Amino acid sequence: MISRKFATALVLAATAVAGNAFADDITVDTTPFVSARTRAEVQADLGQFKQSGTSPWSIQYNPLRSFKSGTTRAEVTAQYVNSRDQVAALNSEDSGSAYLAQYRVRNAGTTLAGQPQTNAQ
């Protein structure tokens, strides 16, 4: 059977845990809304939007329909092939630190914000 002390402790613990948990109260903003535009201006903008025929919420929306690239497929392929080794090195196991160590830059001094740049030799 459960001892009287244990039962009392169990009831006290349950009472302490029981209660309402509120995430937050509703915040009611009493500041009145003042629009910077008239209802007619908003309605005119809505009409122009509907007439334009481009709605980003539409299933038929295709922003790339009239896109024209300035580079050819061959140029893009050549850029990809030229950068493959660099990308592989930067994404390697050491996160590209060995690759970047090859290109050490001579310390040109320290420049702090708001101070003129000085060149340390």
PDB file of N, CA and C in Angstrom:
ATOM      1  N   MET A   1       0.836  -1.171   0.000  1.00  0.00           N
ATOM      2  CA  MET A   1       0.000   0.000   0.000  1.00  0.00           C
ATOM      3  C   MET A   1       0.888   1.244   0.000  1.00  0.00           C
ATOM      4  N   ILE A   2       0.377   2.339  -0.467  1.00  0.00           N
ATOM      5  CA  ILE A   2       1.123   3.590  -0.542  1.00  0.00           C
ATOM      6  C   ILE A   2       1.125   4.242   0.825  1.00  0.00           C
ATOM      7  N   SER A   3       2.298   4.684   1.216  1.00  0.00           N
ATOM      8  CA  SER A   3       2.387   5.345   2.517  1.00  0.00           C
ATOM      9  C   SER A   3       1.700   6.705   2.472  1.00  0.00           C
ATOM     10  N   ARG A   4       1.317   7.175   3.652  1.00  0.00           N
ATOM     11  CA  ARG A   4       0.601   8.437   3.756  1.00  0.00           C
ATOM     12  C   ARG A   4       1.501   9.608   3.334  1.00  0.00           C
ATOM     13  N   LYS A   5       2.788   9.575   3.672  1.00  0.00           N
ATOM     14  CA  LYS A   5       3.718  10.656   3.308  1.00  0.00           C
ATOM     15  C   LYS A   5       3.895  10.707   1.787  1.00  0.00           C
ATOM     16  N   PHE A   6       4.013   9.513   1.174  1.00  0.00           N
ATOM     17  CA  PHE A   6       4.189   9.462  -0.279  1.00  0.00           C
ATOM     18  C   PHE A   6       2.943   9.985  -0.979  1.00  0.00           C
ATOM     19  N   ALA A   7       1.779   9.598  -0.491  1.00  0.00           N
ATOM     20  CA  ALA A   7       0.526  10.055  -1.082  1.00  0.00           C
ATOM     21  C   ALA A   7       0.390  11.564  -0.953  1.00  0.00           C
ATOM     22  N   THR A   8       0.764  12.112   0.194  1.00  0.00           N
ATOM     23  CA  THR A   8       0.688  13.555   0.400  1.00  0.00           C
ATOM     24  C   THR A   8       1.650  14.280  -0.547  1.00  0.00           C
ATOM     25  N   ALA A   9       2.849  13.744  -0.684  1.00  0.00           N
ATOM     26  CA  ALA A   9       3.832  14.350  -1.585  1.00  0.00           C
ATOM     27  C   ALA A   9       3.345  14.286  -3.029  1.00  0.00           C
ATOM     28  N   LEU A  10       2.714  13.179  -3.404  1.00  0.00           N
ATOM     29  CA  LEU A  10       2.193  13.019  -4.753  1.00  0.00           C
ATOM     30  C   LEU A  10       1.074  14.018  -5.025  1.00  0.00           C
ATOM     31  N   VAL A  11       0.184  14.223  -4.067  1.00  0.00           N
ATOM     32  CA  VAL A  11      -0.898  15.191  -4.225  1.00  0.00           C
ATOM     33  C   VAL A  11      -0.341  16.605  -4.319  1.00  0.00           C
ATOM     34  N   LEU A  12       0.638  16.939  -3.506  1.00  0.00           N
ATOM     35  CA  LEU A  12       1.245  18.274  -3.561  1.00  0.00           C
ATOM     36  C   LEU A  12       1.945  18.506  -4.901  1.00  0.00           C
ATOM     37  N   ALA A  13       2.641  17.499  -5.398  1.00  0.00           N
ATOM     38  CA  ALA A  13       3.324  17.633  -6.687  1.00  0.00           C
ATOM     39  C   ALA A  13       2.317  17.808  -7.816  1.00  0.00           C
ATOM     40  N   ALA A  14       1.241  17.042  -7.800  1.00  0.00           N
ATOM     41  CA  ALA A  14       0.215  17.143  -8.829  1.00  0.00           C
ATOM     42  C   ALA A  14      -0.461  18.503  -8.784  1.00  0.00           C
ATOM     43  N   THR A  15      -0.683  19.016  -7.588  1.00  0.00           N
ATOM     44  CA  THR A  15      -1.300  20.332  -7.443  1.00  0.00           C
ATOM     45  C   THR A  15      -0.378  21.426  -7.967  1.00  0.00           C
ATOM     46  N   ALA A  16       0.907  21.279  -7.721  1.00  0.00           N
ATOM     47  CA  ALA A  16       1.867  22.290  -8.177  1.00  0.00           C
ATOM     48  C   ALA A  16       1.980  22.296  -9.698  1.00  0.00           C
ATOM     49  N   VAL A  17       1.898  21.116 -10.303  1.00  0.00           N
ATOM     50  CA  VAL A  17       2.037  21.016 -11.751  1.00  0.00           C
ATOM     51  C   VAL A  17       0.745  21.400 -12.454  1.00  0.00           C
ATOM     52  N   ALA A  18      -0.376  21.074 -11.855  1.00  0.00           N
ATOM     53  CA  ALA A  18      -1.664  21.347 -12.489  1.00  0.00           C
ATOM     54  C   ALA A  18      -1.894  22.846 -12.547  1.00  0.00           C
ATOM     55  N   GLY A  19      -2.454  23.295 -13.622  1.00  0.00           N
ATOM     56  CA  GLY A  19      -2.754  24.712 -13.783  1.00  0.00           C
ATOM     57  C   GLY A  19      -2.809  25.045 -15.259  1.00  0.00           C
ATOM     58  N   ASN A  20      -3.189  26.221 -15.547  1.00  0.00           N
ATOM     59  CA  ASN A  20      -3.300  26.635 -16.936  1.00  0.00           C
ATOM     60  C   ASN A  20      -1.983  27.226 -17.405  1.00  0.00           C
ATOM     61  N   ALA A  21      -1.600  26.861 -18.613  1.00  0.00           N
ATOM     62  CA  ALA A  21      -0.394  27.419 -19.220  1.00  0.00           C
ATOM     63  C   ALA A  21      -0.826  28.283 -20.393  1.00  0.00           C
ATOM     64  N   PHE A  22      -0.499  29.539 -20.329  1.00  0.00           N
ATOM     65  CA  PHE A  22      -0.853  30.464 -21.401  1.00  0.00           C
ATOM     66  C   PHE A  22       0.404  30.861 -22.155  1.00  0.00           C
ATOM     67  N   ALA A  23       0.362  30.719 -23.465  1.00  0.00           N
ATOM     68  CA  ALA A  23       1.508  31.119 -24.271  1.00  0.00           C
ATOM     69  C   ALA A  23       1.662  32.634 -24.233  1.00  0.00           C
ATOM     70  N   ASP A  24       0.568  33.325 -24.455  1.00  0.00           N
ATOM     71  CA  ASP A  24       0.603  34.779 -24.404  1.00  0.00           C
ATOM     72  C   ASP A  24      -0.828  35.275 -24.515  1.00  0.00           C
ATOM     73  N   ASP A  25      -1.042  36.454 -24.068  1.00  0.00           N
ATOM     74  CA  ASP A  25      -2.356  37.051 -24.184  1.00  0.00           C
ATOM     75  C   ASP A  25      -2.472  37.736 -25.530  1.00  0.00           C
ATOM     76  N   ILE A  26      -3.683  37.974 -25.941  1.00  0.00           N
ATOM     77  CA  ILE A  26      -3.930  38.685 -27.183  1.00  0.00           C
ATOM     78  C   ILE A  26      -3.564  40.153 -26.968  1.00  0.00           C
ATOM     79  N   THR A  27      -2.810  40.691 -27.876  1.00  0.00           N
ATOM     80  CA  THR A  27      -2.444  42.102 -27.803  1.00  0.00           C
ATOM     81  C   THR A  27      -3.393  42.884 -28.696  1.00  0.00           C
ATOM     82  N   VAL A  28      -4.123  43.776 -28.115  1.00  0.00           N
ATOM     83  CA  VAL A  28      -5.068  44.586 -28.862  1.00  0.00           C
ATOM     84  C   VAL A  28      -4.443  45.956 -29.056  1.00  0.00           C
ATOM     85  N   ASP A  29      -4.223  46.306 -30.313  1.00  0.00           N
ATOM     86  CA  ASP A  29      -3.650  47.609 -30.632  1.00  0.00           C
ATOM     87  C   ASP A  29      -4.798  48.594 -30.808  1.00  0.00           C
ATOM     88  N   THR A  30      -4.836  49.581 -29.976  1.00  0.00           N
ATOM     89  CA  THR A  30      -5.931  50.554 -30.028  1.00  0.00           C
ATOM     90  C   THR A  30      -5.607  51.752 -30.908  1.00  0.00           C
ATOM     91  N   THR A  31      -4.415  51.762 -31.528  1.00  0.00           N
ATOM     92  CA  THR A  31      -4.048  52.864 -32.404  1.00  0.00           C
ATOM     93  C   THR A  31      -4.871  52.778 -33.682  1.00  0.00           C
ATOM     94  N   PRO A  32      -5.600  53.826 -34.045  1.00  0.00           N
ATOM     95  CA  PRO A  32      -6.406  53.757 -35.265  1.00  0.00           C
ATOM     96  C   PRO A  32      -5.521  53.763 -36.514  1.00  0.00           C
ATOM     97  N   PHE A  33      -5.918  52.961 -37.504  1.00  0.00           N
ATOM     98  CA  PHE A  33      -5.171  52.877 -38.751  1.00  0.00           C
ATOM     99  C   PHE A  33      -5.486  54.082 -39.615  1.00  0.00           C
ATOM    100  N   VAL A  34      -4.434  54.722 -40.129  1.00  0.00           N
ATOM    101  CA  VAL A  34      -4.603  55.854 -41.023  1.00  0.00           C
ATOM    102  C   VAL A  34      -3.836  55.527 -42.296  1.00  0.00           C
ATOM    103  N   SER A  35      -4.560  55.359 -43.386  1.00  0.00           N
ATOM    104  CA  SER A  35      -3.948  54.992 -44.652  1.00  0.00           C
ATOM    105  C   SER A  35      -3.282  56.204 -45.291  1.00  0.00           C
ATOM    106  N   ALA A  36      -2.197  55.941 -46.004  1.00  0.00           N
ATOM    107  CA  ALA A  36      -1.515  57.016 -46.715  1.00  0.00           C
ATOM    108  C   ALA A  36      -2.101  57.197 -48.107  1.00  0.00           C
ATOM    109  N   ARG A  37      -2.988  56.280 -48.523  1.00  0.00           N
ATOM    110  CA  ARG A  37      -3.586  56.344 -49.850  1.00  0.00           C
ATOM    111  C   ARG A  37      -5.103  56.268 -49.723  1.00  0.00           C
ATOM    112  N   THR A  38      -5.759  56.785 -50.734  1.00  0.00           N
ATOM    113  CA  THR A  38      -7.215  56.751 -50.719  1.00  0.00           C
ATOM    114  C   THR A  38      -7.713  55.399 -51.220  1.00  0.00           C
ATOM    115  N   ARG A  39      -8.978  55.122 -50.963  1.00  0.00           N
ATOM    116  CA  ARG A  39      -9.575  53.869 -51.434  1.00  0.00           C
ATOM    117  C   ARG A  39      -9.544  53.798 -52.958  1.00  0.00           C
ATOM    118  N   ALA A  40      -9.750  54.918 -53.632  1.00  0.00           N
ATOM    119  CA  ALA A  40      -9.744  54.949 -55.096  1.00  0.00           C
ATOM    120  C   ALA A  40      -8.359  54.589 -55.643  1.00  0.00           C
ATOM    121  N   GLU A  41      -7.293  55.079 -54.987  1.00  0.00           N
ATOM    122  CA  GLU A  41      -5.937  54.749 -55.435  1.00  0.00           C
ATOM    123  C   GLU A  41      -5.653  53.261 -55.281  1.00  0.00           C
ATOM    124  N   VAL A  42      -6.078  52.691 -54.175  1.00  0.00           N
ATOM    125  CA  VAL A  42      -5.863  51.260 -53.946  1.00  0.00           C
ATOM    126  C   VAL A  42      -6.657  50.445 -54.959  1.00  0.00           C
ATOM    127  N   GLN A  43      -7.897  50.843 -55.226  1.00  0.00           N
ATOM    128  CA  GLN A  43      -8.716  50.135 -56.209  1.00  0.00           C
ATOM    129  C   GLN A  43      -8.099  50.237 -57.604  1.00  0.00           C
ATOM    130  N   ALA A  44      -7.518  51.396 -57.955  1.00  0.00           N
ATOM    131  CA  ALA A  44      -6.876  51.561 -59.256  1.00  0.00           C
ATOM    132  C   ALA A  44      -5.651  50.650 -59.371  1.00  0.00           C
ATOM    133  N   ASP A  45      -4.858  50.551 -58.305  1.00  0.00           N
ATOM    134  CA  ASP A  45      -3.705  49.646 -58.311  1.00  0.00           C
ATOM    135  C   ASP A  45      -4.136  48.197 -58.467  1.00  0.00           C
ATOM    136  N   LEU A  46      -5.221  47.826 -57.797  1.00  0.00           N
ATOM    137  CA  LEU A  46      -5.731  46.467 -57.906  1.00  0.00           C
ATOM    138  C   LEU A  46      -6.196  46.183 -59.332  1.00  0.00           C
ATOM    139  N   GLY A  47      -6.835  47.145 -59.953  1.00  0.00           N
ATOM    140  CA  GLY A  47      -7.281  46.981 -61.340  1.00  0.00           C
ATOM    141  C   GLY A  47      -6.110  46.805 -62.285  1.00  0.00           C
ATOM    142  N   GLN A  48      -5.034  47.598 -62.107  1.00  0.00           N
ATOM    143  CA  GLN A  48      -3.845  47.462 -62.948  1.00  0.00           C
ATOM    144  C   GLN A  48      -3.195  46.099 -62.743  1.00  0.00           C
ATOM    145  N   PHE A  49      -3.145  45.638 -61.507  1.00  0.00           N
ATOM    146  CA  PHE A  49      -2.558  44.336 -61.217  1.00  0.00           C
ATOM    147  C   PHE A  49      -3.338  43.223 -61.913  1.00  0.00           C
ATOM    148  N   LYS A  50      -4.665  43.302 -61.857  1.00  0.00           N
ATOM    149  CA  LYS A  50      -5.489  42.269 -62.493  1.00  0.00           C
ATOM    150  C   LYS A  50      -5.353  42.300 -64.010  1.00  0.00           C
ATOM    151  N   GLN A  51      -5.219  43.494 -64.596  1.00  0.00           N
ATOM    152  CA  GLN A  51      -5.094  43.612 -66.047  1.00  0.00           C
ATOM    153  C   GLN A  51      -3.720  43.175 -66.544  1.00  0.00           C
ATOM    154  N   SER A  52      -2.702  43.248 -65.701  1.00  0.00           N
ATOM    155  CA  SER A  52      -1.359  42.893 -66.150  1.00  0.00           C
ATOM    156  C   SER A  52      -1.239  41.409 -66.493  1.00  0.00           C
ATOM    157  N   GLY A  53      -2.065  40.582 -65.864  1.00  0.00           N
ATOM    158  CA  GLY A  53      -2.054  39.160 -66.175  1.00  0.00           C
ATOM    159  C   GLY A  53      -0.932  38.383 -65.524  1.00  0.00           C
ATOM    160  N   THR A  54      -0.125  39.012 -64.712  1.00  0.00           N
ATOM    161  CA  THR A  54       0.949  38.297 -64.024  1.00  0.00           C
ATOM    162  C   THR A  54       0.659  38.284 -62.537  1.00  0.00           C
ATOM    163  N   SER A  55       0.258  37.151 -62.067  1.00  0.00           N
ATOM    164  CA  SER A  55      -0.006  36.982 -60.651  1.00  0.00           C
ATOM    165  C   SER A  55       0.929  35.917 -60.106  1.00  0.00           C
ATOM    166  N   PRO A  56       1.798  36.268 -59.168  1.00  0.00           N
ATOM    167  CA  PRO A  56       2.722  35.268 -58.635  1.00  0.00           C
ATOM    168  C   PRO A  56       2.013  34.154 -57.880  1.00  0.00           C
ATOM    169  N   TRP A  57       0.720  34.290 -57.612  1.00  0.00           N
ATOM    170  CA  TRP A  57      -0.034  33.253 -56.912  1.00  0.00           C
ATOM    171  C   TRP A  57      -0.778  32.340 -57.882  1.00  0.00           C
ATOM    172  N   SER A  58      -0.635  32.620 -59.177  1.00  0.00           N
ATOM    173  CA  SER A  58      -1.321  31.831 -60.189  1.00  0.00           C
ATOM    174  C   SER A  58      -0.538  30.556 -60.487  1.00  0.00           C
ATOM    175  N   ILE A  59      -1.245  29.506 -60.854  1.00  0.00           N
ATOM    176  CA  ILE A  59      -0.590  28.251 -61.223  1.00  0.00           C
ATOM    177  C   ILE A  59       0.173  28.417 -62.536  1.00  0.00           C
ATOM    178  N   GLN A  60      -0.319  29.261 -63.423  1.00  0.00           N
ATOM    179  CA  GLN A  60       0.321  29.474 -64.717  1.00  0.00           C
ATOM    180  C   GLN A  60       1.431  30.519 -64.672  1.00  0.00           C
ATOM    181  N   TYR A  61       1.729  31.074 -63.512  1.00  0.00           N
ATOM    182  CA  TYR A  61       2.744  32.124 -63.402  1.00  0.00           C
ATOM    183  C   TYR A  61       4.111  31.561 -63.770  1.00  0.00           C
ATOM    184  N   ASN A  62       4.761  32.180 -64.734  1.00  0.00           N
ATOM    185  CA  ASN A  62       6.078  31.747 -65.185  1.00  0.00           C
ATOM    186  C   ASN A  62       6.957  32.979 -65.372  1.00  0.00           C
ATOM    187  N   PRO A  63       7.749  33.346 -64.361  1.00  0.00           N
ATOM    188  CA  PRO A  63       8.553  34.560 -64.477  1.00  0.00           C
ATOM    189  C   PRO A  63       9.665  34.452 -65.517  1.00  0.00           C
ATOM    190  N   LEU A  64       9.993  33.252 -65.950  1.00  0.00           N
ATOM    191  CA  LEU A  64      11.076  33.078 -66.927  1.00  0.00           C
ATOM    192  C   LEU A  64      10.563  32.978 -68.357  1.00  0.00           C
ATOM    193  N   ARG A  65       9.271  33.204 -68.562  1.00  0.00           N
ATOM    194  CA  ARG A  65       8.685  33.066 -69.901  1.00  0.00           C
ATOM    195  C   ARG A  65       9.368  33.992 -70.905  1.00  0.00           C
ATOM    196  N   SER A  66       9.644  35.212 -70.535  1.00  0.00           N
ATOM    197  CA  SER A  66      10.238  36.166 -71.478  1.00  0.00           C
ATOM    198  C   SER A  66      11.715  36.422 -71.179  1.00  0.00           C
ATOM    199  N   PHE A  67      12.357  35.538 -70.434  1.00  0.00           N
ATOM    200  CA  PHE A  67      13.762  35.714 -70.085  1.00  0.00           C
ATOM    201  C   PHE A  67      14.647  35.425 -71.293  1.00  0.00           C
ATOM    202  N   LYS A  68      15.603  36.298 -71.527  1.00  0.00           N
ATOM    203  CA  LYS A  68      16.581  36.105 -72.593  1.00  0.00           C
ATOM    204  C   LYS A  68      17.970  36.237 -71.984  1.00  0.00           C
ATOM    205  N   SER A  69      18.773  35.207 -72.127  1.00  0.00           N
ATOM    206  CA  SER A  69      20.102  35.189 -71.536  1.00  0.00           C
ATOM    207  C   SER A  69      21.072  36.006 -72.375  1.00  0.00           C
ATOM    208  N   GLY A  70      22.048  36.604 -71.711  1.00  0.00           N
ATOM    209  CA  GLY A  70      23.080  37.359 -72.416  1.00  0.00           C
ATOM    210  C   GLY A  70      24.288  36.512 -72.759  1.00  0.00           C
ATOM    211  N   THR A  71      24.326  35.286 -72.264  1.00  0.00           N
ATOM    212  CA  THR A  71      25.443  34.390 -72.562  1.00  0.00           C
ATOM    213  C   THR A  71      24.922  33.136 -73.253  1.00  0.00           C
ATOM    214  N   THR A  72      25.790  32.539 -74.039  1.00  0.00           N
ATOM    215  CA  THR A  72      25.396  31.333 -74.758  1.00  0.00           C
ATOM    216  C   THR A  72      25.594  30.105 -73.880  1.00  0.00           C
ATOM    217  N   ARG A  73      25.026  29.003 -74.306  1.00  0.00           N
ATOM    218  CA  ARG A  73      25.179  27.750 -73.584  1.00  0.00           C
ATOM    219  C   ARG A  73      26.641  27.322 -73.563  1.00  0.00           C
ATOM    220  N   ALA A  74      27.351  27.540 -74.655  1.00  0.00           N
ATOM    221  CA  ALA A  74      28.772  27.165 -74.731  1.00  0.00           C
ATOM    222  C   ALA A  74      29.604  27.984 -73.736  1.00  0.00           C
ATOM    223  N   GLU A  75      29.282  29.278 -73.589  1.00  0.00           N
ATOM    224  CA  GLU A  75      30.008  30.113 -72.628  1.00  0.00           C
ATOM    225  C   GLU A  75      29.772  29.656 -71.195  1.00  0.00           C
ATOM    226  N   VAL A  76      28.534  29.322 -70.876  1.00  0.00           N
ATOM    227  CA  VAL A  76      28.217  28.849 -69.522  1.00  0.00           C
ATOM    228  C   VAL A  76      28.918  27.527 -69.248  1.00  0.00           C
ATOM    229  N   THR A  77      28.915  26.637 -70.227  1.00  0.00           N
ATOM    230  CA  THR A  77      29.599  25.352 -70.072  1.00  0.00           C
ATOM    231  C   THR A  77      31.092  25.555 -69.863  1.00  0.00           C
ATOM    232  N   ALA A  78      31.697  26.471 -70.618  1.00  0.00           N
ATOM    233  CA  ALA A  78      33.125  26.749 -70.466  1.00  0.00           C
ATOM    234  C   ALA A  78      33.429  27.325 -69.085  1.00  0.00           C
ATOM    235  N   GLN A  79      32.588  28.215 -68.583  1.00  0.00           N
ATOM    236  CA  GLN A  79      32.794  28.761 -67.243  1.00  0.00           C
ATOM    237  C   GLN A  79      32.700  27.668 -66.187  1.00  0.00           C
ATOM    238  N   TYR A  80      31.767  26.748 -66.376  1.00  0.00           N
ATOM    239  CA  TYR A  80      31.609  25.647 -65.426  1.00  0.00           C
ATOM    240  C   TYR A  80      32.848  24.750 -65.440  1.00  0.00           C
ATOM    241  N   VAL A  81      33.313  24.410 -66.610  1.00  0.00           N
ATOM    242  CA  VAL A  81      34.490  23.535 -66.706  1.00  0.00           C
ATOM    243  C   VAL A  81      35.710  24.219 -66.104  1.00  0.00           C
ATOM    244  N   ASN A  82      35.880  25.518 -66.339  1.00  0.00           N
ATOM    245  CA  ASN A  82      37.026  26.255 -65.794  1.00  0.00           C
ATOM    246  C   ASN A  82      36.987  26.360 -64.277  1.00  0.00           C
ATOM    247  N   SER A  83      35.790  26.407 -63.693  1.00  0.00           N
ATOM    248  CA  SER A  83      35.703  26.577 -62.242  1.00  0.00           C
ATOM    249  C   SER A  83      35.546  25.259 -61.498  1.00  0.00           C
ATOM    250  N   ARG A  84      35.491  24.132 -62.205  1.00  0.00           N
ATOM    251  CA  ARG A  84      35.270  22.836 -61.556  1.00  0.00           C
ATOM    252  C   ARG A  84      36.324  22.501 -60.524  1.00  0.00           C
ATOM    253  N   ASP A  85      37.603  22.720 -60.850  1.00  0.00           N
ATOM    254  CA  ASP A  85      38.676  22.385 -59.906  1.00  0.00           C
ATOM    255  C   ASP A  85      38.605  23.260 -58.656  1.00  0.00           C
ATOM    256  N   GLN A  86      38.335  24.541 -58.844  1.00  0.00           N
ATOM    257  CA  GLN A  86      38.239  25.444 -57.707  1.00  0.00           C
ATOM    258  C   GLN A  86      37.050  25.067 -56.807  1.00  0.00           C
ATOM    259  N   VAL A  87      35.916  24.769 -57.390  1.00  0.00           N
ATOM    260  CA  VAL A  87      34.736  24.380 -56.610  1.00  0.00           C
ATOM    261  C   VAL A  87      34.997  23.086 -55.862  1.00  0.00           C
ATOM    262  N   ALA A  88      35.641  22.118 -56.528  1.00  0.00           N
ATOM    263  CA  ALA A  88      35.949  20.849 -55.871  1.00  0.00           C
ATOM    264  C   ALA A  88      36.903  21.068 -54.702  1.00  0.00           C
ATOM    265  N   ALA A  89      37.882  21.967 -54.882  1.00  0.00           N
ATOM    266  CA  ALA A  89      38.834  22.238 -53.807  1.00  0.00           C
ATOM    267  C   ALA A  89      38.150  22.927 -52.624  1.00  0.00           C
ATOM    268  N   LEU A  90      37.274  23.879 -52.891  1.00  0.00           N
ATOM    269  CA  LEU A  90      36.607  24.601 -51.815  1.00  0.00           C
ATOM    270  C   LEU A  90      35.578  23.740 -51.095  1.00  0.00           C
ATOM    271  N   ASN A  91      35.079  22.716 -51.749  1.00  0.00           N
ATOM    272  CA  ASN A  91      34.103  21.820 -51.124  1.00  0.00           C
ATOM    273  C   ASN A  91      34.748  20.515 -50.648  1.00  0.00           C
ATOM    274  N   SER A  92      36.061  20.473 -50.595  1.00  0.00           N
ATOM    275  CA  SER A  92      36.748  19.246 -50.197  1.00  0.00           C
ATOM    276  C   SER A  92      36.660  19.047 -48.691  1.00  0.00           C
ATOM    277  N   GLU A  93      37.331  18.006 -48.234  1.00  0.00           N
ATOM    278  CA  GLU A  93      37.252  17.619 -46.824  1.00  0.00           C
ATOM    279  C   GLU A  93      37.760  18.701 -45.882  1.00  0.00           C
ATOM    280  N   ASP A  94      38.742  19.478 -46.314  1.00  0.00           N
ATOM    281  CA  ASP A  94      39.299  20.521 -45.446  1.00  0.00           C
ATOM    282  C   ASP A  94      38.644  21.884 -45.690  1.00  0.00           C
ATOM    283  N   SER A  95      37.523  21.886 -46.388  1.00  0.00           N
ATOM    284  CA  SER A  95      36.767  23.106 -46.697  1.00  0.00           C
ATOM    285  C   SER A  95      37.590  24.105 -47.491  1.00  0.00           C
ATOM    286  N   GLY A  96      38.541  23.635 -48.230  1.00  0.00           N
ATOM    287  CA  GLY A  96      39.310  24.480 -49.126  1.00  0.00           C
ATOM    288  C   GLY A  96      40.474  25.199 -48.483  1.00  0.00           C
ATOM    289  N   SER A  97      40.832  24.861 -47.234  1.00  0.00           N
ATOM    290  CA  SER A  97      41.912  25.599 -46.585  1.00  0.00           C
ATOM    291  C   SER A  97      43.256  25.355 -47.277  1.00  0.00           C
ATOM    292  N   ALA A  98      43.506  24.157 -47.766  1.00  0.00           N
ATOM    293  CA  ALA A  98      44.759  23.884 -48.478  1.00  0.00           C
ATOM    294  C   ALA A  98      44.795  24.645 -49.794  1.00  0.00           C
ATOM    295  N   TYR A  99      43.665  24.710 -50.478  1.00  0.00           N
ATOM    296  CA  TYR A  99      43.590  25.454 -51.735  1.00  0.00           C
ATOM    297  C   TYR A  99      43.809  26.944 -51.499  1.00  0.00           C
ATOM    298  N   LEU A 100      43.174  27.489 -50.473  1.00  0.00           N
ATOM    299  CA  LEU A 100      43.310  28.912 -50.182  1.00  0.00           C
ATOM    300  C   LEU A 100      44.697  29.257 -49.660  1.00  0.00           C
ATOM    301  N   ALA A 101      45.369  28.306 -49.012  1.00  0.00           N
ATOM    302  CA  ALA A 101      46.719  28.562 -48.492  1.00  0.00           C
ATOM    303  C   ALA A 101      47.712  28.800 -49.616  1.00  0.00           C
ATOM    304  N   GLN A 102      47.417  28.337 -50.808  1.00  0.00           N
ATOM    305  CA  GLN A 102      48.300  28.563 -51.952  1.00  0.00           C
ATOM    306  C   GLN A 102      48.334  30.024 -52.366  1.00  0.00           C
ATOM    307  N   TYR A 103      47.304  30.748 -52.046  1.00  0.00           N
ATOM    308  CA  TYR A 103      47.173  32.137 -52.460  1.00  0.00           C
ATOM    309  C   TYR A 103      47.320  33.067 -51.271  1.00  0.00           C
ATOM    310  N   ARG A 104      48.474  33.040 -50.652  1.00  0.00           N
ATOM    311  CA  ARG A 104      48.709  33.900 -49.487  1.00  0.00           C
ATOM    312  C   ARG A 104      48.865  35.348 -49.940  1.00  0.00           C
ATOM    313  N   VAL A 105      48.227  36.224 -49.223  1.00  0.00           N
ATOM    314  CA  VAL A 105      48.292  37.650 -49.522  1.00  0.00           C
ATOM    315  C   VAL A 105      49.189  38.294 -48.477  1.00  0.00           C
ATOM    316  N   ARG A 106      50.114  39.144 -48.953  1.00  0.00           N
ATOM    317  CA  ARG A 106      50.998  39.836 -48.027  1.00  0.00           C
ATOM    318  C   ARG A 106      50.172  40.760 -47.146  1.00  0.00           C
ATOM    319  N   ASN A 107      50.439  40.767 -45.876  1.00  0.00           N
ATOM    320  CA  ASN A 107      49.698  41.591 -44.936  1.00  0.00           C
ATOM    321  C   ASN A 107      49.906  43.057 -45.281  1.00  0.00           C
ATOM    322  N   ALA A 108      48.828  43.730 -45.593  1.00  0.00           N
ATOM    323  CA  ALA A 108      48.901  45.143 -45.969  1.00  0.00           C
ATOM    324  C   ALA A 108      48.625  46.037 -44.777  1.00  0.00           C
ATOM    325  N   GLY A 109      48.678  45.521 -43.576  1.00  0.00           N
ATOM    326  CA  GLY A 109      48.429  46.327 -42.396  1.00  0.00           C
ATOM    327  C   GLY A 109      46.994  46.170 -41.935  1.00  0.00           C
ATOM    328  N   THR A 110      46.690  46.851 -40.875  1.00  0.00           N
ATOM    329  CA  THR A 110      45.361  46.779 -40.303  1.00  0.00           C
ATOM    330  C   THR A 110      44.650  48.095 -40.531  1.00  0.00           C
ATOM    331  N   THR A 111      43.444  48.026 -41.032  1.00  0.00           N
ATOM    332  CA  THR A 111      42.644  49.224 -41.239  1.00  0.00           C
ATOM    333  C   THR A 111      41.438  49.144 -40.322  1.00  0.00           C
ATOM    334  N   LEU A 112      41.320  50.137 -39.470  1.00  0.00           N
ATOM    335  CA  LEU A 112      40.168  50.200 -38.581  1.00  0.00           C
ATOM    336  C   LEU A 112      39.141  51.162 -39.164  1.00  0.00           C
ATOM    337  N   ALA A 113      37.908  50.935 -38.829  1.00  0.00           N
ATOM    338  CA  ALA A 113      36.849  51.777 -39.349  1.00  0.00           C
ATOM    339  C   ALA A 113      37.065  53.216 -38.884  1.00  0.00           C
ATOM    340  N   GLY A 114      36.915  54.121 -39.817  1.00  0.00           N
ATOM    341  CA  GLY A 114      37.021  55.549 -39.495  1.00  0.00           C
ATOM    342  C   GLY A 114      38.453  56.069 -39.461  1.00  0.00           C
ATOM    343  N   GLN A 115      39.434  55.227 -39.801  1.00  0.00           N
ATOM    344  CA  GLN A 115      40.825  55.678 -39.809  1.00  0.00           C
ATOM    345  C   GLN A 115      41.394  55.511 -41.212  1.00  0.00           C
ATOM    346  N   PRO A 116      42.321  56.385 -41.610  1.00  0.00           N
ATOM    347  CA  PRO A 116      42.902  56.235 -42.935  1.00  0.00           C
ATOM    348  C   PRO A 116      43.702  54.945 -43.030  1.00  0.00           C
ATOM    349  N   GLN A 117      43.748  54.373 -44.230  1.00  0.00           N
ATOM    350  CA  GLN A 117      44.457  53.118 -44.442  1.00  0.00           C
ATOM    351  C   GLN A 117      45.966  53.369 -44.428  1.00  0.00           C
ATOM    352  N   THR A 118      46.680  52.522 -43.698  1.00  0.00           N
ATOM    353  CA  THR A 118      48.140  52.609 -43.652  1.00  0.00           C
ATOM    354  C   THR A 118      48.700  51.336 -44.228  1.00  0.00           C
ATOM    355  N   ASN A 119      49.805  51.435 -44.924  1.00  0.00           N
ATOM    356  CA  ASN A 119      50.442  50.263 -45.520  1.00  0.00           C
ATOM    357  C   ASN A 119      51.660  49.903 -44.696  1.00  0.00           C
ATOM    358  N   ALA A 120      51.601  48.778 -44.017  1.00  0.00           N
ATOM    359  CA  ALA A 120      52.747  48.294 -43.231  1.00  0.00           C
ATOM    360  C   ALA A 120      53.673  47.527 -44.150  1.00  0.00           C
ATOM    361  N   GLN A 121      54.938  47.694 -43.960  1.00  0.00           N
ATOM    362  CA  GLN A 121      55.929  47.002 -44.800  1.00  0.00           C
ATOM    363  C   GLN A 121      56.446  45.788 -44.125  1.00  0.00           C
TER     364      GLN A 121
END
